[in-house]
Amino acid sequence: MWFVLVTGFGMLWSALAVLAHLRRVKRRPDDPSVPAKRALLAAAVLATVSYALAIPPFTSLLHVDGMWLNWPMIMTLGNSTVICVHMFYLFSVEERATAVRIARREWLIYAVLTTAVVVLFAMNPTASDYDITSAGRYQTGGPGDPFAAVAYVLSMGFAGVMNVVVCRLGWRWVKKARGTRWLAMGLNTNALGQIGGLCMVLHSVSYNLALLFGTVPSWTQNVVETPIKGIAGLLTMLGLSATALSLWIKNSRLVVWAHANQARRRLYPLHQRMYAAFPSIVVDPPPSSAVKDFLHVRDASRQLGDRLVELWEGRLRMRIPYGTRAIADKLAREEGLRGPALEAVVERACLEVGFEVARTGTEVRVELSTADEASRLTRQGEKAAEVRWWQEVHDARKSPVVAQIRTRAPELIRASATSGAATS
């Protein structure tokens, strides 16, 4: 049942992967992610074939002159599938040169190990251990062939190591691609499949080591491994499908628009306050209410870009009383804040006092280079980093530190009042 389900799903996935890959390469032949997509495509095809070889009629067709040829084929294709999955991750996370170096090393190890497994198989190709039908040792139990036991341990051990490697790289990818829900779901689902595969590997290695040393377990190997293999295979294919789909979803026009529109709306309150303080920074006045802004959905990406530029323009014009940043930083550290959270709270506290200065029109002795300090975290030149920074600053409005600085704003302004104000 499990093998039929996984194989059917794998065939569908393989067909979709082939079509998507060919369409993508035709449209963008210089796409740097092509190696990753090719690895994913190869994994889909290899996984489908390896699972199909374990179900009738292939188990009988490959039983030639007493030799169970489907067993080495299943092991060879299964291990190459895991390598292709790892390559998909490698070329998606690592630099191309690093990914190529690691992939070459893995394929070399795989070639040596596969040669050893085939040699061990050739020692006794008619052994009952290689028969995965209901008549073989895999399903009936009993003592095993020592050469077959070593072949099992080598092949399954390699698969287990690759399961661990794929999981580790997948978790790195999740951290790197934070905020992309579909991608995180796909990677985590695949990780569950890899963990399931590792559990099967541990049982298989332990079982065959016991046979190698003359101990016959009281249960059969397939009782434990067949359900795990079916579930793990299904989770792996679902995870990889969701991961591949997320790479398309992430760049689709609808998703790009939705992300831009959401970011634009989240920045509306702060942008509205900046506009109220410095009306000349905008070309087109923003909507007068959050409801009207919510309904203003056309050209969301352009609106978001304009909003970012206008926020920085207003920030450059803002006059922050001298000493405000130092006081806010001290209060934030006393609250236990560190890193980006501290930076966002300090910046929001400075903005609150700056808004009050703009409202009253008071001449003050100002902080030097406060705008440069505020932009320190966004100097990569990435729009996403700027959006994230301003959203963190907006969210910091509820901080108790910001509330304290807001209350002390008149005091800070009076302390910095001067007839000859410096330029920030």
Protein backbone atom coordinates (compact mmCIF):
# COMPACT_ATOMS: atom_id res chain seq x y z
CA MET A 1 0.00 0.00 0.00
CA TRP A 2 2.67 2.46 1.05
CA PHE A 3 4.90 1.61 -1.90
CA VAL A 4 2.03 2.03 -4.35
CA LEU A 5 1.07 5.40 -2.85
CA VAL A 6 4.63 6.72 -2.77
CA THR A 7 5.43 5.46 -6.27
CA GLY A 8 2.26 6.97 -7.73
CA PHE A 9 2.93 10.29 -6.07
CA GLY A 10 6.56 10.14 -7.19
CA MET A 11 5.58 9.59 -10.82
CA LEU A 12 3.24 12.57 -10.74
CA TRP A 13 5.89 14.68 -9.04
CA SER A 14 8.52 13.59 -11.58
CA ALA A 15 6.28 14.58 -14.49
CA LEU A 16 5.54 17.99 -12.99
CA ALA A 17 9.21 18.52 -12.15
CA VAL A 18 10.26 17.69 -15.71
CA LEU A 19 7.73 20.10 -17.21
CA ALA A 20 8.56 22.90 -14.76
CA HIS A 21 12.28 22.43 -15.26
CA LEU A 22 12.15 22.43 -19.05
CA ARG A 23 9.89 25.50 -19.08
CA ARG A 24 12.15 27.35 -16.65
CA VAL A 25 15.40 26.55 -18.47
CA LYS A 26 13.87 27.56 -21.79
CA ARG A 27 12.82 30.93 -20.38
CA ARG A 28 16.00 31.56 -18.35
CA PRO A 29 18.92 29.45 -19.60
CA ASP A 30 21.38 31.46 -17.47
CA ASP A 31 19.44 30.93 -14.23
CA PRO A 32 22.05 30.30 -11.45
CA SER A 33 19.64 27.94 -9.70
CA VAL A 34 19.53 25.54 -12.67
CA PRO A 35 21.96 23.03 -11.01
CA ALA A 36 19.67 22.86 -7.97
CA LYS A 37 16.61 22.30 -10.15
CA ARG A 38 18.40 19.60 -12.14
CA ALA A 39 19.37 17.85 -8.91
CA LEU A 40 15.76 18.00 -7.73
CA LEU A 41 14.56 16.63 -11.06
CA ALA A 42 17.07 13.77 -10.86
CA ALA A 43 16.00 13.00 -7.29
CA ALA A 44 12.36 12.82 -8.37
CA VAL A 45 13.05 10.38 -11.19
CA LEU A 46 15.49 8.21 -9.22
CA ALA A 47 13.18 8.01 -6.20
CA THR A 48 10.27 6.95 -8.39
CA VAL A 49 12.29 4.23 -10.12
CA SER A 50 13.83 2.91 -6.88
CA TYR A 51 10.42 2.61 -5.21
CA ALA A 52 8.88 1.03 -8.31
CA LEU A 53 11.55 -1.68 -8.33
CA ALA A 54 10.33 -2.85 -4.92
CA ILE A 55 6.80 -3.70 -6.08
CA PRO A 56 5.45 -6.37 -8.47
CA PRO A 57 5.95 -7.06 -11.32
CA PHE A 58 9.47 -5.58 -11.23
CA THR A 59 10.55 -7.85 -8.36
CA SER A 60 9.92 -10.88 -10.58
CA LEU A 61 11.15 -9.41 -13.86
CA LEU A 62 14.57 -8.71 -12.38
CA HIS A 63 14.93 -12.19 -10.90
CA VAL A 64 17.26 -13.61 -13.57
CA ASP A 65 18.85 -17.08 -13.24
CA GLY A 66 18.28 -17.01 -9.49
CA MET A 67 19.96 -13.61 -9.08
CA TRP A 68 17.98 -10.84 -7.35
CA LEU A 69 19.17 -7.98 -9.53
CA ASN A 70 16.57 -5.55 -8.24
CA TRP A 71 18.28 -5.35 -4.81
CA PRO A 72 21.56 -3.72 -5.95
CA MET A 73 19.58 -1.49 -8.29
CA ILE A 74 17.30 -0.33 -5.46
CA MET A 75 20.25 0.37 -3.16
CA THR A 76 22.23 2.15 -5.88
CA LEU A 77 19.30 4.32 -7.00
CA GLY A 78 18.21 5.00 -3.42
CA ASN A 79 21.62 6.31 -2.38
CA SER A 80 21.97 8.38 -5.55
CA THR A 81 18.54 9.88 -4.79
CA VAL A 82 19.72 11.06 -1.37
CA ILE A 83 22.83 12.60 -2.96
CA CYS A 84 20.66 14.44 -5.51
CA VAL A 85 18.46 15.77 -2.69
CA HIS A 86 21.59 16.97 -0.91
CA MET A 87 22.82 18.59 -4.13
CA PHE A 88 19.50 20.41 -4.45
CA TYR A 89 20.07 21.81 -0.97
CA LEU A 90 23.76 22.52 -1.63
CA PHE A 91 23.21 24.55 -4.78
CA SER A 92 20.36 26.43 -3.08
CA VAL A 93 22.32 27.40 0.06
CA GLU A 94 26.06 27.30 -0.65
CA GLU A 95 28.20 29.16 -3.16
CA ARG A 96 28.45 27.33 -6.47
CA ALA A 97 32.17 26.52 -6.09
CA THR A 98 31.64 25.10 -2.60
CA ALA A 99 28.63 23.08 -3.72
CA VAL A 100 30.53 21.62 -6.68
CA ARG A 101 33.47 20.62 -4.46
CA ILE A 102 31.26 18.89 -1.90
CA ALA A 103 29.15 17.18 -4.58
CA ARG A 104 32.23 15.78 -6.32
CA ARG A 105 33.51 14.36 -3.05
CA GLU A 106 30.14 12.74 -2.32
CA TRP A 107 29.88 11.16 -5.76
CA LEU A 108 33.42 9.78 -5.40
CA ILE A 109 32.58 8.20 -2.04
CA TYR A 110 29.34 6.90 -3.53
CA ALA A 111 31.19 5.32 -6.48
CA VAL A 112 33.66 3.55 -4.19
CA LEU A 113 30.92 2.34 -1.84
CA THR A 114 28.67 1.21 -4.69
CA THR A 115 31.54 -0.79 -6.18
CA ALA A 116 32.09 -2.49 -2.83
CA VAL A 117 28.38 -3.29 -2.48
CA VAL A 118 28.17 -4.73 -6.00
CA VAL A 119 31.25 -6.88 -5.34
CA LEU A 120 29.69 -8.18 -2.12
CA PHE A 121 26.45 -8.87 -4.00
CA ALA A 122 28.37 -10.78 -6.66
CA MET A 123 29.80 -13.07 -3.96
CA ASN A 124 26.38 -14.71 -3.62
CA PRO A 125 23.75 -13.04 -5.85
CA THR A 126 21.20 -15.78 -5.18
CA ALA A 127 21.19 -15.28 -1.40
CA SER A 128 17.76 -15.11 0.18
CA ASP A 129 18.74 -11.79 1.82
CA TYR A 130 18.37 -10.04 -1.55
CA ASP A 131 14.89 -11.47 -2.14
CA ILE A 132 12.44 -8.78 -0.99
CA THR A 133 9.37 -10.82 -1.93
CA SER A 134 7.31 -12.76 0.60
CA ALA A 135 9.61 -15.78 0.16
CA GLY A 136 12.86 -13.99 0.98
CA ARG A 137 14.73 -13.56 4.25
CA TYR A 138 13.70 -9.89 4.38
CA GLN A 139 10.07 -10.87 5.00
CA THR A 140 10.37 -14.37 6.49
CA GLY A 141 13.34 -13.88 8.82
CA GLY A 142 15.99 -16.45 9.66
CA PRO A 143 19.79 -16.47 9.35
CA GLY A 144 21.44 -14.39 6.66
CA ASP A 145 24.40 -14.49 4.30
CA PRO A 146 27.46 -12.67 5.81
CA PHE A 147 28.36 -10.97 2.52
CA ALA A 148 24.80 -9.72 2.17
CA ALA A 149 24.82 -8.45 5.76
CA VAL A 150 27.97 -6.39 5.09
CA ALA A 151 26.45 -5.07 1.85
CA TYR A 152 23.33 -4.00 3.76
CA VAL A 153 25.41 -2.27 6.45
CA LEU A 154 27.57 -0.36 3.95
CA SER A 155 24.71 0.75 1.72
CA MET A 156 22.29 1.66 4.49
CA GLY A 157 25.04 3.28 6.56
CA PHE A 158 25.85 5.64 3.69
CA ALA A 159 22.16 6.49 3.33
CA GLY A 160 21.95 7.25 7.05
CA VAL A 161 24.92 9.62 6.92
CA MET A 162 23.33 11.44 3.99
CA ASN A 163 20.01 11.67 5.90
CA VAL A 164 21.81 13.51 8.71
CA VAL A 165 23.69 15.79 6.28
CA VAL A 166 20.48 16.73 4.44
CA CYS A 167 18.69 17.49 7.73
CA ARG A 168 21.49 19.77 8.93
CA LEU A 169 21.64 21.67 5.65
CA GLY A 170 17.85 21.91 5.55
CA TRP A 171 17.75 23.53 8.99
CA ARG A 172 20.39 26.02 7.84
CA TRP A 173 18.20 26.83 4.84
CA VAL A 174 15.18 27.37 7.11
CA LYS A 175 17.14 29.93 9.15
CA LYS A 176 18.44 31.61 6.02
CA ALA A 177 14.99 31.87 4.42
CA ARG A 178 13.09 33.02 7.49
CA GLY A 179 9.65 34.43 6.81
CA THR A 180 9.01 32.21 3.76
CA ARG A 181 6.30 29.93 5.12
CA TRP A 182 5.91 27.58 2.18
CA LEU A 183 9.65 27.03 1.98
CA ALA A 184 9.95 26.40 5.72
CA MET A 185 7.02 23.96 5.60
CA GLY A 186 8.56 22.06 2.70
CA LEU A 187 12.00 21.89 4.29
CA ASN A 188 10.63 20.77 7.66
CA THR A 189 8.42 18.13 6.04
CA ASN A 190 11.39 16.79 4.12
CA ALA A 191 13.42 16.80 7.36
CA LEU A 192 10.76 14.57 8.95
CA GLY A 193 11.10 12.22 5.99
CA GLN A 194 14.89 12.18 6.39
CA ILE A 195 14.54 11.46 10.12
CA GLY A 196 12.19 8.59 9.28
CA GLY A 197 14.73 7.29 6.79
CA LEU A 198 17.43 7.51 9.46
CA CYS A 199 15.29 5.44 11.84
CA MET A 200 14.93 2.78 9.14
CA VAL A 201 18.68 2.87 8.52
CA LEU A 202 19.48 2.40 12.21
CA HIS A 203 17.19 -0.63 12.37
CA SER A 204 18.57 -2.12 9.16
CA VAL A 205 22.19 -1.69 10.23
CA SER A 206 21.51 -3.10 13.70
CA TYR A 207 19.53 -6.04 12.28
CA ASN A 208 22.22 -7.02 9.78
CA LEU A 209 25.05 -6.58 12.28
CA ALA A 210 23.19 -9.02 14.52
CA LEU A 211 22.93 -11.49 11.61
CA LEU A 212 26.62 -11.00 10.81
CA PHE A 213 27.59 -12.04 14.34
CA GLY A 214 25.27 -15.04 14.37
CA THR A 215 22.26 -13.62 16.23
CA VAL A 216 18.88 -13.96 14.53
CA PRO A 217 16.30 -11.39 15.76
CA SER A 218 12.88 -12.75 16.66
CA TRP A 219 11.12 -10.38 14.24
CA THR A 220 11.48 -9.93 10.49
CA GLN A 221 13.25 -6.96 8.96
CA ASN A 222 10.31 -5.82 6.85
CA VAL A 223 7.87 -5.62 9.80
CA VAL A 224 9.68 -2.54 11.08
CA GLU A 225 11.18 -1.07 7.93
CA THR A 226 8.39 -1.28 5.35
CA PRO A 227 5.95 1.07 7.15
CA ILE A 228 8.76 3.49 8.04
CA LYS A 229 10.04 3.46 4.47
CA GLY A 230 6.60 4.22 3.07
CA ILE A 231 5.92 7.07 5.49
CA ALA A 232 9.43 8.51 5.18
CA GLY A 233 9.30 8.34 1.38
CA LEU A 234 5.93 10.06 1.27
CA LEU A 235 7.07 12.83 3.65
CA THR A 236 10.27 13.32 1.66
CA MET A 237 8.44 13.67 -1.64
CA LEU A 238 5.80 15.95 -0.13
CA GLY A 239 8.53 18.08 1.43
CA LEU A 240 10.57 18.35 -1.74
CA SER A 241 7.45 19.12 -3.78
CA ALA A 242 6.46 21.90 -1.37
CA THR A 243 10.04 23.21 -1.40
CA ALA A 244 10.15 23.30 -5.18
CA LEU A 245 6.68 24.85 -5.30
CA SER A 246 7.69 27.51 -2.78
CA LEU A 247 10.54 28.65 -5.04
CA TRP A 248 7.93 29.33 -7.73
CA ILE A 249 5.37 30.81 -5.30
CA LYS A 250 7.96 33.14 -3.79
CA ASN A 251 8.59 34.80 -7.17
CA SER A 252 5.03 34.75 -8.49
CA ARG A 253 3.45 38.12 -9.20
CA LEU A 254 0.60 37.59 -6.77
CA VAL A 255 2.90 36.74 -3.86
CA VAL A 256 5.30 39.59 -4.64
CA TRP A 257 2.36 41.98 -4.73
CA ALA A 258 0.91 40.56 -1.48
CA HIS A 259 4.20 40.94 0.39
CA ALA A 260 4.71 44.47 -0.91
CA ASN A 261 1.13 45.44 -0.06
CA GLN A 262 1.42 44.03 3.45
CA ALA A 263 4.70 45.86 4.07
CA ARG A 264 3.26 49.08 2.63
CA ARG A 265 0.26 48.93 4.96
CA ARG A 266 2.39 48.14 8.02
CA LEU A 267 4.50 51.23 7.35
CA TYR A 268 1.46 53.49 6.92
CA PRO A 269 1.21 54.78 10.53
CA LEU A 270 4.89 55.73 10.72
CA HIS A 271 4.86 57.19 7.22
CA GLN A 272 1.75 59.22 8.08
CA ARG A 273 3.48 60.74 11.12
CA MET A 274 6.58 61.52 9.05
CA TYR A 275 4.39 63.20 6.42
CA ALA A 276 2.62 65.25 9.10
CA ALA A 277 6.00 66.47 10.36
CA PHE A 278 7.53 67.08 6.91
CA PRO A 279 4.83 67.42 4.21
CA SER A 280 7.35 68.31 1.50
CA ILE A 281 8.98 64.85 1.52
CA VAL A 282 6.15 63.24 -0.48
CA VAL A 283 5.13 63.66 -4.09
CA ASP A 284 1.62 62.27 -3.60
CA PRO A 285 0.04 62.77 -0.15
CA PRO A 286 -0.80 59.44 1.55
CA PRO A 287 -4.44 58.43 2.18
CA SER A 288 -6.00 60.22 5.13
CA SER A 289 -6.92 57.01 6.99
CA ALA A 290 -5.75 53.43 7.38
CA VAL A 291 -8.99 52.22 5.77
CA LYS A 292 -8.38 54.27 2.63
CA ASP A 293 -4.78 53.10 2.59
CA PHE A 294 -5.98 49.49 2.82
CA LEU A 295 -8.12 50.02 -0.28
CA HIS A 296 -5.29 51.69 -2.20
CA VAL A 297 -3.83 48.45 -3.63
CA ARG A 298 -2.57 49.39 -7.07
CA ASP A 299 1.20 49.44 -7.69
CA ALA A 300 1.97 48.13 -4.21
CA SER A 301 5.68 47.64 -4.98
CA ARG A 302 6.04 51.20 -6.25
CA GLN A 303 4.14 52.57 -3.26
CA LEU A 304 6.37 50.61 -0.90
CA GLY A 305 9.50 51.94 -2.60
CA ASP A 306 8.18 55.52 -2.40
CA ARG A 307 7.35 55.03 1.26
CA LEU A 308 10.87 53.85 2.06
CA VAL A 309 12.47 56.78 0.22
CA GLU A 310 10.17 59.26 1.95
CA LEU A 311 10.82 57.77 5.38
CA TRP A 312 14.57 58.16 4.90
CA GLU A 313 14.07 61.68 3.55
CA GLY A 314 12.07 62.62 6.62
CA ARG A 315 14.64 60.95 8.86
CA LEU A 316 17.42 63.05 7.34
CA ARG A 317 15.43 66.23 8.02
CA MET A 318 14.61 65.28 11.57
CA ARG A 319 16.39 67.13 14.40
CA ILE A 320 17.06 64.93 17.41
CA PRO A 321 18.02 66.80 20.63
CA TYR A 322 21.57 66.15 21.76
CA GLY A 323 21.83 63.27 24.25
CA THR A 324 18.55 61.61 23.31
CA ARG A 325 20.15 58.54 21.74
CA ALA A 326 22.50 57.98 24.69
CA ILE A 327 19.64 58.17 27.20
CA ALA A 328 17.42 55.86 25.15
CA ASP A 329 20.27 53.39 24.70
CA LYS A 330 20.94 53.33 28.45
CA LEU A 331 17.27 52.76 29.29
CA ALA A 332 16.95 50.02 26.66
CA ARG A 333 20.00 48.17 27.99
CA GLU A 334 18.61 48.40 31.51
CA GLU A 335 15.50 46.67 30.13
CA GLY A 336 17.73 43.85 28.88
CA LEU A 337 17.49 44.68 25.18
CA ARG A 338 20.36 43.80 22.85
CA GLY A 339 21.06 43.62 19.14
CA PRO A 340 18.43 44.62 16.53
CA ALA A 341 15.69 44.93 19.17
CA LEU A 342 17.75 47.53 21.05
CA GLU A 343 18.55 49.42 17.84
CA ALA A 344 14.89 49.57 16.83
CA VAL A 345 13.73 50.79 20.25
CA VAL A 346 16.45 53.46 20.41
CA GLU A 347 15.60 54.66 16.92
CA ARG A 348 11.88 54.83 17.70
CA ALA A 349 12.60 56.78 20.88
CA CYS A 350 14.67 59.27 18.87
CA LEU A 351 11.87 59.59 16.31
CA GLU A 352 9.31 60.38 19.02
CA VAL A 353 11.41 63.28 20.29
CA GLY A 354 12.14 64.37 16.71
CA PHE A 355 8.41 64.49 15.94
CA GLU A 356 7.89 66.71 18.98
CA VAL A 357 10.71 69.04 17.87
CA ALA A 358 9.13 69.31 14.40
CA ARG A 359 5.71 69.97 15.93
CA THR A 360 6.90 72.76 18.23
CA GLY A 361 9.45 74.23 15.82
CA THR A 362 12.00 74.59 18.62
CA GLU A 363 15.64 75.19 17.67
CA VAL A 364 17.77 72.57 19.40
CA ARG A 365 21.36 71.42 19.55
CA VAL A 366 21.09 68.17 17.67
CA GLU A 367 22.73 64.77 17.57
CA LEU A 368 25.40 64.42 14.89
CA SER A 369 25.06 61.72 12.20
CA THR A 370 21.95 60.18 13.75
CA ALA A 371 20.58 59.25 10.34
CA ASP A 372 23.81 57.42 9.51
CA GLU A 373 23.54 55.55 12.80
CA ALA A 374 19.95 54.61 12.03
CA SER A 375 20.84 53.25 8.59
CA ARG A 376 23.74 51.11 9.82
CA LEU A 377 21.73 47.87 9.66
CA THR A 378 20.47 48.47 6.12
CA ARG A 379 23.67 49.30 4.29
CA GLN A 380 23.56 46.12 2.22
CA GLY A 381 21.38 48.07 -0.17
CA GLU A 382 18.63 45.46 -0.02
CA LYS A 383 15.04 46.61 -0.07
CA ALA A 384 13.99 43.73 2.19
CA ALA A 385 16.48 44.85 4.86
CA GLU A 386 15.09 48.39 4.80
CA VAL A 387 11.51 47.15 5.04
CA ARG A 388 12.41 44.89 7.95
CA TRP A 389 14.22 47.74 9.72
CA TRP A 390 11.36 50.22 9.44
CA GLN A 391 8.83 47.57 10.49
CA GLU A 392 10.90 46.86 13.60
CA VAL A 393 11.05 50.58 14.32
CA HIS A 394 7.28 50.84 13.89
CA ASP A 395 6.66 47.83 16.17
CA ALA A 396 8.89 49.37 18.85
CA ARG A 397 6.31 52.10 19.49
CA LYS A 398 4.82 50.06 22.35
CA SER A 399 8.13 49.66 24.18
CA PRO A 400 8.22 51.06 27.74
CA VAL A 401 11.53 52.71 26.85
CA VAL A 402 9.85 54.63 24.04
CA ALA A 403 7.05 55.61 26.42
CA GLN A 404 9.58 56.99 28.93
CA ILE A 405 11.43 58.99 26.27
CA ARG A 406 8.13 60.28 24.89
CA THR A 407 7.23 61.54 28.37
CA ARG A 408 10.64 63.17 28.78
CA ALA A 409 10.60 64.78 25.31
CA PRO A 410 9.82 68.34 26.57
CA GLU A 411 12.66 68.05 29.09
CA LEU A 412 15.13 66.86 26.44
CA ILE A 413 14.08 69.63 24.07
CA ARG A 414 14.50 72.33 26.74
CA ALA A 415 17.93 70.97 27.70
CA SER A 416 19.09 71.19 24.08
CA ALA A 417 17.40 74.47 23.16
CA THR A 418 19.86 76.87 21.58
CA SER A 419 19.81 79.83 19.28
CA GLY A 420 22.47 78.34 17.00
CA ALA A 421 21.54 74.76 16.22
CA ALA A 422 24.05 72.36 14.69
CA THR A 423 23.24 70.34 11.61
CA SER A 424 22.65 66.61 11.90
